[in-house]
Amino acid sequence: HHIVVQTTLFLAAGLVEREAGSTSITRIGGLLASAPL
């Protein structure tokens, strides 16, 4: 379970970084509207 889920979350974090330009939760927001997938 953890191998699959942890890898998935880090891949999703990579997508967040591309969409927002950062992975800092203090500097980004609004991705539900701009990147719902």
All heavy atoms as atom14 arrays in JSON, in Angstrom:
{
  "sequence": "HHIVVQTTLFLAAGLVEREAGSTSITRIGGLLASAPL",
  "atom14_mask": [
    [1, 1, 1, 1, 1, 1, 1, 1, 1, 1, 0, 0, 0, 0],
    [1, 1, 1, 1, 1, 1, 1, 1, 1, 1, 0, 0, 0, 0],
    [1, 1, 1, 1, 1, 1, 1, 1, 0, 0, 0, 0, 0, 0],
    [1, 1, 1, 1, 1, 1, 1, 0, 0, 0, 0, 0, 0, 0],
    [1, 1, 1, 1, 1, 1, 1, 0, 0, 0, 0, 0, 0, 0],
    [1, 1, 1, 1, 1, 1, 1, 1, 1, 0, 0, 0, 0, 0],
    [1, 1, 1, 1, 1, 1, 1, 0, 0, 0, 0, 0, 0, 0],
    [1, 1, 1, 1, 1, 1, 1, 0, 0, 0, 0, 0, 0, 0],
    [1, 1, 1, 1, 1, 1, 1, 1, 0, 0, 0, 0, 0, 0],
    [1, 1, 1, 1, 1, 1, 1, 1, 1, 1, 1, 0, 0, 0],
    [1, 1, 1, 1, 1, 1, 1, 1, 0, 0, 0, 0, 0, 0],
    [1, 1, 1, 1, 1, 0, 0, 0, 0, 0, 0, 0, 0, 0],
    [1, 1, 1, 1, 1, 0, 0, 0, 0, 0, 0, 0, 0, 0],
    [1, 1, 1, 1, 0, 0, 0, 0, 0, 0, 0, 0, 0, 0],
    [1, 1, 1, 1, 1, 1, 1, 1, 0, 0, 0, 0, 0, 0],
    [1, 1, 1, 1, 1, 1, 1, 0, 0, 0, 0, 0, 0, 0],
    [1, 1, 1, 1, 1, 1, 1, 1, 1, 0, 0, 0, 0, 0],
    [1, 1, 1, 1, 1, 1, 1, 1, 1, 1, 1, 0, 0, 0],
    [1, 1, 1, 1, 1, 1, 1, 1, 1, 0, 0, 0, 0, 0],
    [1, 1, 1, 1, 1, 0, 0, 0, 0, 0, 0, 0, 0, 0],
    [1, 1, 1, 1, 0, 0, 0, 0, 0, 0, 0, 0, 0, 0],
    [1, 1, 1, 1, 1, 1, 0, 0, 0, 0, 0, 0, 0, 0],
    [1, 1, 1, 1, 1, 1, 1, 0, 0, 0, 0, 0, 0, 0],
    [1, 1, 1, 1, 1, 1, 0, 0, 0, 0, 0, 0, 0, 0],
    [1, 1, 1, 1, 1, 1, 1, 1, 0, 0, 0, 0, 0, 0],
    [1, 1, 1, 1, 1, 1, 1, 0, 0, 0, 0, 0, 0, 0],
    [1, 1, 1, 1, 1, 1, 1, 1, 1, 1, 1, 0, 0, 0],
    [1, 1, 1, 1, 1, 1, 1, 1, 0, 0, 0, 0, 0, 0],
    [1, 1, 1, 1, 0, 0, 0, 0, 0, 0, 0, 0, 0, 0],
    [1, 1, 1, 1, 0, 0, 0, 0, 0, 0, 0, 0, 0, 0],
    [1, 1, 1, 1, 1, 1, 1, 1, 0, 0, 0, 0, 0, 0],
    [1, 1, 1, 1, 1, 1, 1, 1, 0, 0, 0, 0, 0, 0],
    [1, 1, 1, 1, 1, 0, 0, 0, 0, 0, 0, 0, 0, 0],
    [1, 1, 1, 1, 1, 1, 0, 0, 0, 0, 0, 0, 0, 0],
    [1, 1, 1, 1, 1, 0, 0, 0, 0, 0, 0, 0, 0, 0],
    [1, 1, 1, 1, 1, 1, 1, 0, 0, 0, 0, 0, 0, 0],
    [1, 1, 1, 1, 1, 1, 1, 1, 0, 0, 0, 0, 0, 0]
  ],
  "atom14_positions": [
    [[0.83, -1.21, 0.0], [0.0, 0.0, 0.0], [0.85, 1.25, 0.0], [0.64, 2.18, -0.79], [-0.92, -0.03, 1.23], [-1.21, 1.33, 1.81], [-2.14, 2.19, 1.27], [-0.65, 1.97, 2.88], [-2.15, 3.31, 1.99], [-1.27, 3.21, 2.96], [0.0, 0.0, 0.0], [0.0, 0.0, 0.0], [0.0, 0.0, 0.0], [0.0, 0.0, 0.0]],
    [[1.84, 1.3, 0.87], [2.61, 2.53, 1.05], [3.51, 2.82, -0.14], [3.68, 3.99, -0.52], [3.44, 2.44, 2.33], [3.95, 3.77, 2.79], [5.23, 4.2, 2.55], [3.33, 4.78, 3.46], [5.38, 5.41, 3.06], [4.25, 5.79, 3.61], [0.0, 0.0, 0.0], [0.0, 0.0, 0.0], [0.0, 0.0, 0.0], [0.0, 0.0, 0.0]],
    [[4.09, 1.79, -0.74], [4.9, 2.01, -1.94], [4.07, 2.71, -3.01], [4.51, 3.71, -3.61], [5.45, 0.67, -2.47], [6.54, 0.13, -1.55], [6.0, 0.84, -3.89], [7.03, -1.26, -1.93], [0.0, 0.0, 0.0], [0.0, 0.0, 0.0], [0.0, 0.0, 0.0], [0.0, 0.0, 0.0], [0.0, 0.0, 0.0], [0.0, 0.0, 0.0]],
    [[2.87, 2.22, -3.23], [2.02, 2.77, -4.29], [1.53, 4.17, -3.93], [1.64, 5.12, -4.73], [0.83, 1.83, -4.56], [-0.16, 2.47, -5.52], [1.32, 0.5, -5.12], [0.0, 0.0, 0.0], [0.0, 0.0, 0.0], [0.0, 0.0, 0.0], [0.0, 0.0, 0.0], [0.0, 0.0, 0.0], [0.0, 0.0, 0.0], [0.0, 0.0, 0.0]],
    [[0.99, 4.35, -2.73], [0.36, 5.62, -2.36], [1.39, 6.72, -2.19], [1.18, 7.86, -2.63], [-0.48, 5.43, -1.09], [-1.01, 6.78, -0.59], [-1.65, 4.5, -1.37], [0.0, 0.0, 0.0], [0.0, 0.0, 0.0], [0.0, 0.0, 0.0], [0.0, 0.0, 0.0], [0.0, 0.0, 0.0], [0.0, 0.0, 0.0], [0.0, 0.0, 0.0]],
    [[2.52, 6.4, -1.56], [3.53, 7.43, -1.35], [4.12, 7.9, -2.69], [4.34, 9.09, -2.9], [4.65, 6.9, -0.44], [5.55, 7.99, 0.12], [4.93, 8.73, 1.29], [4.35, 8.12, 2.18], [5.05, 10.04, 1.31], [0.0, 0.0, 0.0], [0.0, 0.0, 0.0], [0.0, 0.0, 0.0], [0.0, 0.0, 0.0], [0.0, 0.0, 0.0]],
    [[4.36, 6.96, -3.59], [4.84, 7.34, -4.92], [3.82, 8.23, -5.62], [4.18, 9.24, -6.24], [5.1, 6.08, -5.77], [6.05, 5.25, -5.11], [5.63, 6.46, -7.15], [0.0, 0.0, 0.0], [0.0, 0.0, 0.0], [0.0, 0.0, 0.0], [0.0, 0.0, 0.0], [0.0, 0.0, 0.0], [0.0, 0.0, 0.0], [0.0, 0.0, 0.0]],
    [[2.55, 7.87, -5.53], [1.49, 8.65, -6.17], [1.45, 10.07, -5.64], [1.32, 11.04, -6.4], [0.13, 7.98, -5.96], [0.19, 6.61, -6.37], [-0.96, 8.68, -6.74], [0.0, 0.0, 0.0], [0.0, 0.0, 0.0], [0.0, 0.0, 0.0], [0.0, 0.0, 0.0], [0.0, 0.0, 0.0], [0.0, 0.0, 0.0], [0.0, 0.0, 0.0]],
    [[1.58, 10.23, -4.33], [1.54, 11.57, -3.74], [2.73, 12.42, -4.19], [2.58, 13.62, -4.45], [1.51, 11.47, -2.22], [0.14, 11.15, -1.61], [0.26, 10.79, -0.14], [-0.81, 12.33, -1.79], [0.0, 0.0, 0.0], [0.0, 0.0, 0.0], [0.0, 0.0, 0.0], [0.0, 0.0, 0.0], [0.0, 0.0, 0.0], [0.0, 0.0, 0.0]],
    [[3.9, 11.82, -4.3], [5.05, 12.59, -4.77], [4.92, 12.95, -6.25], [5.35, 14.02, -6.68], [6.35, 11.82, -4.52], [6.96, 12.09, -3.17], [6.79, 11.22, -2.12], [7.69, 13.24, -2.96], [7.35, 11.48, -0.88], [8.25, 13.52, -1.73], [8.08, 12.63, -0.67], [0.0, 0.0, 0.0], [0.0, 0.0, 0.0], [0.0, 0.0, 0.0]],
    [[4.33, 12.07, -7.05], [4.06, 12.42, -8.44], [3.06, 13.56, -8.51], [3.21, 14.5, -9.31], [3.53, 11.2, -9.2], [4.52, 10.06, -9.44], [3.83, 8.91, -10.2], [5.75, 10.52, -10.2], [0.0, 0.0, 0.0], [0.0, 0.0, 0.0], [0.0, 0.0, 0.0], [0.0, 0.0, 0.0], [0.0, 0.0, 0.0], [0.0, 0.0, 0.0]],
    [[2.02, 13.51, -7.67], [1.04, 14.6, -7.62], [1.71, 15.9, -7.18], [1.38, 16.98, -7.69], [-0.11, 14.23, -6.69], [0.0, 0.0, 0.0], [0.0, 0.0, 0.0], [0.0, 0.0, 0.0], [0.0, 0.0, 0.0], [0.0, 0.0, 0.0], [0.0, 0.0, 0.0], [0.0, 0.0, 0.0], [0.0, 0.0, 0.0], [0.0, 0.0, 0.0]],
    [[2.64, 15.81, -6.24], [3.38, 17.01, -5.82], [4.18, 17.58, -6.99], [4.32, 18.81, -7.12], [4.3, 16.68, -4.65], [0.0, 0.0, 0.0], [0.0, 0.0, 0.0], [0.0, 0.0, 0.0], [0.0, 0.0, 0.0], [0.0, 0.0, 0.0], [0.0, 0.0, 0.0], [0.0, 0.0, 0.0], [0.0, 0.0, 0.0], [0.0, 0.0, 0.0]],
    [[4.71, 16.7, -7.84], [5.41, 17.17, -9.04], [4.48, 17.93, -9.98], [4.87, 18.94, -10.58], [0.0, 0.0, 0.0], [0.0, 0.0, 0.0], [0.0, 0.0, 0.0], [0.0, 0.0, 0.0], [0.0, 0.0, 0.0], [0.0, 0.0, 0.0], [0.0, 0.0, 0.0], [0.0, 0.0, 0.0], [0.0, 0.0, 0.0], [0.0, 0.0, 0.0]],
    [[3.23, 17.46, -10.08], [2.25, 18.18, -10.91], [1.91, 19.54, -10.3], [1.76, 20.53, -11.01], [0.98, 17.35, -11.05], [1.1, 15.98, -11.75], [-0.26, 15.31, -11.83], [1.71, 16.13, -13.14], [0.0, 0.0, 0.0], [0.0, 0.0, 0.0], [0.0, 0.0, 0.0], [0.0, 0.0, 0.0], [0.0, 0.0, 0.0], [0.0, 0.0, 0.0]],
    [[1.8, 19.59, -8.96], [1.54, 20.85, -8.29], [2.66, 21.85, -8.57], [2.42, 23.04, -8.84], [1.38, 20.63, -6.77], [1.38, 21.97, -6.02], [0.11, 19.85, -6.46], [0.0, 0.0, 0.0], [0.0, 0.0, 0.0], [0.0, 0.0, 0.0], [0.0, 0.0, 0.0], [0.0, 0.0, 0.0], [0.0, 0.0, 0.0], [0.0, 0.0, 0.0]],
    [[3.89, 21.36, -8.52], [5.04, 22.23, -8.75], [5.01, 22.83, -10.16], [5.37, 23.98, -10.36], [6.33, 21.45, -8.52], [7.58, 22.3, -8.52], [8.8, 21.55, -8.06], [8.79, 20.29, -8.13], [9.78, 22.19, -7.63], [0.0, 0.0, 0.0], [0.0, 0.0, 0.0], [0.0, 0.0, 0.0], [0.0, 0.0, 0.0], [0.0, 0.0, 0.0]],
    [[4.6, 22.03, -11.13], [4.53, 22.54, -12.49], [3.4, 23.57, -12.64], [3.56, 24.57, -13.33], [4.31, 21.39, -13.48], [5.46, 20.43, -13.58], [5.29, 19.51, -14.76], [5.48, 20.21, -16.03], [6.64, 20.39, -16.62], [7.74, 19.94, -16.06], [6.71, 21.01, -17.77], [0.0, 0.0, 0.0], [0.0, 0.0, 0.0], [0.0, 0.0, 0.0]],
    [[2.27, 23.31, -12.01], [1.13, 24.2, -12.15], [1.32, 25.52, -11.4], [0.89, 26.57, -11.87], [-0.14, 23.51, -11.63], [-0.59, 22.31, -12.45], [-1.2, 22.71, -13.78], [-1.56, 23.9, -13.94], [-1.31, 21.84, -14.65], [0.0, 0.0, 0.0], [0.0, 0.0, 0.0], [0.0, 0.0, 0.0], [0.0, 0.0, 0.0], [0.0, 0.0, 0.0]],
    [[1.97, 25.44, -10.22], [2.07, 26.62, -9.35], [3.47, 27.22, -9.3], [3.63, 28.33, -8.8], [1.61, 26.26, -7.94], [0.0, 0.0, 0.0], [0.0, 0.0, 0.0], [0.0, 0.0, 0.0], [0.0, 0.0, 0.0], [0.0, 0.0, 0.0], [0.0, 0.0, 0.0], [0.0, 0.0, 0.0], [0.0, 0.0, 0.0], [0.0, 0.0, 0.0]],
    [[4.48, 26.47, -9.78], [5.84, 26.97, -9.72], [6.51, 26.79, -8.39], [7.62, 27.29, -8.17], [0.0, 0.0, 0.0], [0.0, 0.0, 0.0], [0.0, 0.0, 0.0], [0.0, 0.0, 0.0], [0.0, 0.0, 0.0], [0.0, 0.0, 0.0], [0.0, 0.0, 0.0], [0.0, 0.0, 0.0], [0.0, 0.0, 0.0], [0.0, 0.0, 0.0]],
    [[5.87, 26.12, -7.44], [6.42, 25.94, -6.11], [5.7, 24.78, -5.44], [4.62, 24.37, -5.88], [6.25, 27.22, -5.28], [6.63, 27.02, -3.93], [0.0, 0.0, 0.0], [0.0, 0.0, 0.0], [0.0, 0.0, 0.0], [0.0, 0.0, 0.0], [0.0, 0.0, 0.0], [0.0, 0.0, 0.0], [0.0, 0.0, 0.0], [0.0, 0.0, 0.0]],
    [[6.29, 24.28, -4.34], [5.59, 23.31, -3.5], [5.4, 23.84, -2.09], [5.07, 23.08, -1.18], [6.35, 21.96, -3.45], [7.71, 22.2, -3.07], [6.31, 21.26, -4.79], [0.0, 0.0, 0.0], [0.0, 0.0, 0.0], [0.0, 0.0, 0.0], [0.0, 0.0, 0.0], [0.0, 0.0, 0.0], [0.0, 0.0, 0.0], [0.0, 0.0, 0.0]],
    [[5.62, 25.12, -1.9], [5.42, 25.74, -0.59], [3.95, 26.07, -0.4], [3.35, 26.8, -1.21], [6.26, 27.0, -0.46], [5.94, 27.7, 0.74], [0.0, 0.0, 0.0], [0.0, 0.0, 0.0], [0.0, 0.0, 0.0], [0.0, 0.0, 0.0], [0.0, 0.0, 0.0], [0.0, 0.0, 0.0], [0.0, 0.0, 0.0], [0.0, 0.0, 0.0]],
    [[3.36, 25.6, 0.68], [1.94, 25.86, 0.92], [1.68, 27.3, 1.33], [0.53, 27.74, 1.35], [1.37, 24.89, 1.98], [2.05, 25.11, 3.34], [1.49, 23.46, 1.52], [1.46, 24.27, 4.45], [0.0, 0.0, 0.0], [0.0, 0.0, 0.0], [0.0, 0.0, 0.0], [0.0, 0.0, 0.0], [0.0, 0.0, 0.0], [0.0, 0.0, 0.0]],
    [[2.72, 28.06, 1.64], [2.55, 29.47, 1.98], [2.49, 30.36, 0.75], [2.12, 31.53, 0.86], [3.7, 29.94, 2.88], [4.93, 29.89, 2.14], [3.82, 29.06, 4.12], [0.0, 0.0, 0.0], [0.0, 0.0, 0.0], [0.0, 0.0, 0.0], [0.0, 0.0, 0.0], [0.0, 0.0, 0.0], [0.0, 0.0, 0.0], [0.0, 0.0, 0.0]],
    [[2.85, 29.84, -0.4], [3.01, 30.69, -1.58], [2.04, 30.38, -2.71], [2.04, 31.08, -3.73], [4.44, 30.56, -2.12], [5.5, 31.02, -1.14], [6.88, 30.65, -1.63], [7.89, 31.05, -0.66], [9.15, 30.63, -0.67], [9.54, 29.8, -1.61], [10.0, 31.04, 0.25], [0.0, 0.0, 0.0], [0.0, 0.0, 0.0], [0.0, 0.0, 0.0]],
    [[1.25, 29.34, -2.59], [0.36, 28.97, -3.69], [-1.06, 28.72, -3.18], [-1.27, 28.44, -2.0], [0.86, 27.7, -4.44], [1.11, 26.54, -3.46], [2.11, 28.0, -5.22], [1.61, 25.28, -4.12], [0.0, 0.0, 0.0], [0.0, 0.0, 0.0], [0.0, 0.0, 0.0], [0.0, 0.0, 0.0], [0.0, 0.0, 0.0], [0.0, 0.0, 0.0]],
    [[-2.0, 28.83, -4.08], [-3.4, 28.6, -3.74], [-4.24, 28.61, -5.01], [-3.76, 28.94, -6.1], [0.0, 0.0, 0.0], [0.0, 0.0, 0.0], [0.0, 0.0, 0.0], [0.0, 0.0, 0.0], [0.0, 0.0, 0.0], [0.0, 0.0, 0.0], [0.0, 0.0, 0.0], [0.0, 0.0, 0.0], [0.0, 0.0, 0.0], [0.0, 0.0, 0.0]],
    [[-5.49, 28.23, -4.87], [-6.41, 28.3, -5.98], [-6.27, 27.22, -7.03], [-6.85, 27.33, -8.12], [0.0, 0.0, 0.0], [0.0, 0.0, 0.0], [0.0, 0.0, 0.0], [0.0, 0.0, 0.0], [0.0, 0.0, 0.0], [0.0, 0.0, 0.0], [0.0, 0.0, 0.0], [0.0, 0.0, 0.0], [0.0, 0.0, 0.0], [0.0, 0.0, 0.0]],
    [[-5.55, 26.14, -6.72], [-5.34, 25.11, -7.74], [-6.58, 24.27, -8.0], [-6.67, 23.62, -9.04], [-4.17, 24.19, -7.34], [-2.76, 24.76, -7.48], [-1.73, 23.66, -7.26], [-2.56, 25.42, -8.83], [0.0, 0.0, 0.0], [0.0, 0.0, 0.0], [0.0, 0.0, 0.0], [0.0, 0.0, 0.0], [0.0, 0.0, 0.0], [0.0, 0.0, 0.0]],
    [[-7.54, 24.29, -7.08], [-8.78, 23.55, -7.34], [-9.5, 24.13, -8.55], [-10.08, 23.4, -9.35], [-9.68, 23.59, -6.11], [-11.02, 22.84, -6.24], [-10.79, 21.36, -6.53], [-11.85, 23.02, -4.97], [0.0, 0.0, 0.0], [0.0, 0.0, 0.0], [0.0, 0.0, 0.0], [0.0, 0.0, 0.0], [0.0, 0.0, 0.0], [0.0, 0.0, 0.0]],
    [[-9.42, 25.45, -8.7], [-10.06, 26.1, -9.84], [-9.22, 26.02, -11.1], [-9.74, 25.79, -12.19], [-10.35, 27.56, -9.5], [0.0, 0.0, 0.0], [0.0, 0.0, 0.0], [0.0, 0.0, 0.0], [0.0, 0.0, 0.0], [0.0, 0.0, 0.0], [0.0, 0.0, 0.0], [0.0, 0.0, 0.0], [0.0, 0.0, 0.0], [0.0, 0.0, 0.0]],
    [[-7.9, 26.19, -10.95], [-7.04, 26.24, -12.14], [-6.59, 24.87, -12.61], [-6.29, 24.68, -13.79], [-5.8, 27.1, -11.84], [-5.03, 26.54, -10.79], [0.0, 0.0, 0.0], [0.0, 0.0, 0.0], [0.0, 0.0, 0.0], [0.0, 0.0, 0.0], [0.0, 0.0, 0.0], [0.0, 0.0, 0.0], [0.0, 0.0, 0.0], [0.0, 0.0, 0.0]],
    [[-6.53, 23.89, -11.71], [-6.07, 22.55, -12.09], [-6.89, 21.51, -11.32], [-6.37, 20.81, -10.44], [-4.58, 22.39, -11.79], [0.0, 0.0, 0.0], [0.0, 0.0, 0.0], [0.0, 0.0, 0.0], [0.0, 0.0, 0.0], [0.0, 0.0, 0.0], [0.0, 0.0, 0.0], [0.0, 0.0, 0.0], [0.0, 0.0, 0.0], [0.0, 0.0, 0.0]],
    [[-8.17, 21.37, -11.64], [-9.03, 20.44, -10.87], [-8.59, 18.99, -10.94], [-8.75, 18.25, -9.97], [-10.42, 20.65, -11.51], [-10.14, 21.23, -12.86], [-8.91, 22.06, -12.7], [0.0, 0.0, 0.0], [0.0, 0.0, 0.0], [0.0, 0.0, 0.0], [0.0, 0.0, 0.0], [0.0, 0.0, 0.0], [0.0, 0.0, 0.0], [0.0, 0.0, 0.0]],
    [[-8.04, 18.56, -12.07], [-7.59, 17.17, -12.18], [-6.44, 16.9, -11.22], [-6.39, 15.85, -10.56], [-7.19, 16.85, -13.61], [-6.7, 15.42, -13.88], [-7.76, 14.39, -13.45], [-6.34, 15.23, -15.34], [0.0, 0.0, 0.0], [0.0, 0.0, 0.0], [0.0, 0.0, 0.0], [0.0, 0.0, 0.0], [0.0, 0.0, 0.0], [0.0, 0.0, 0.0]]
  ]
}
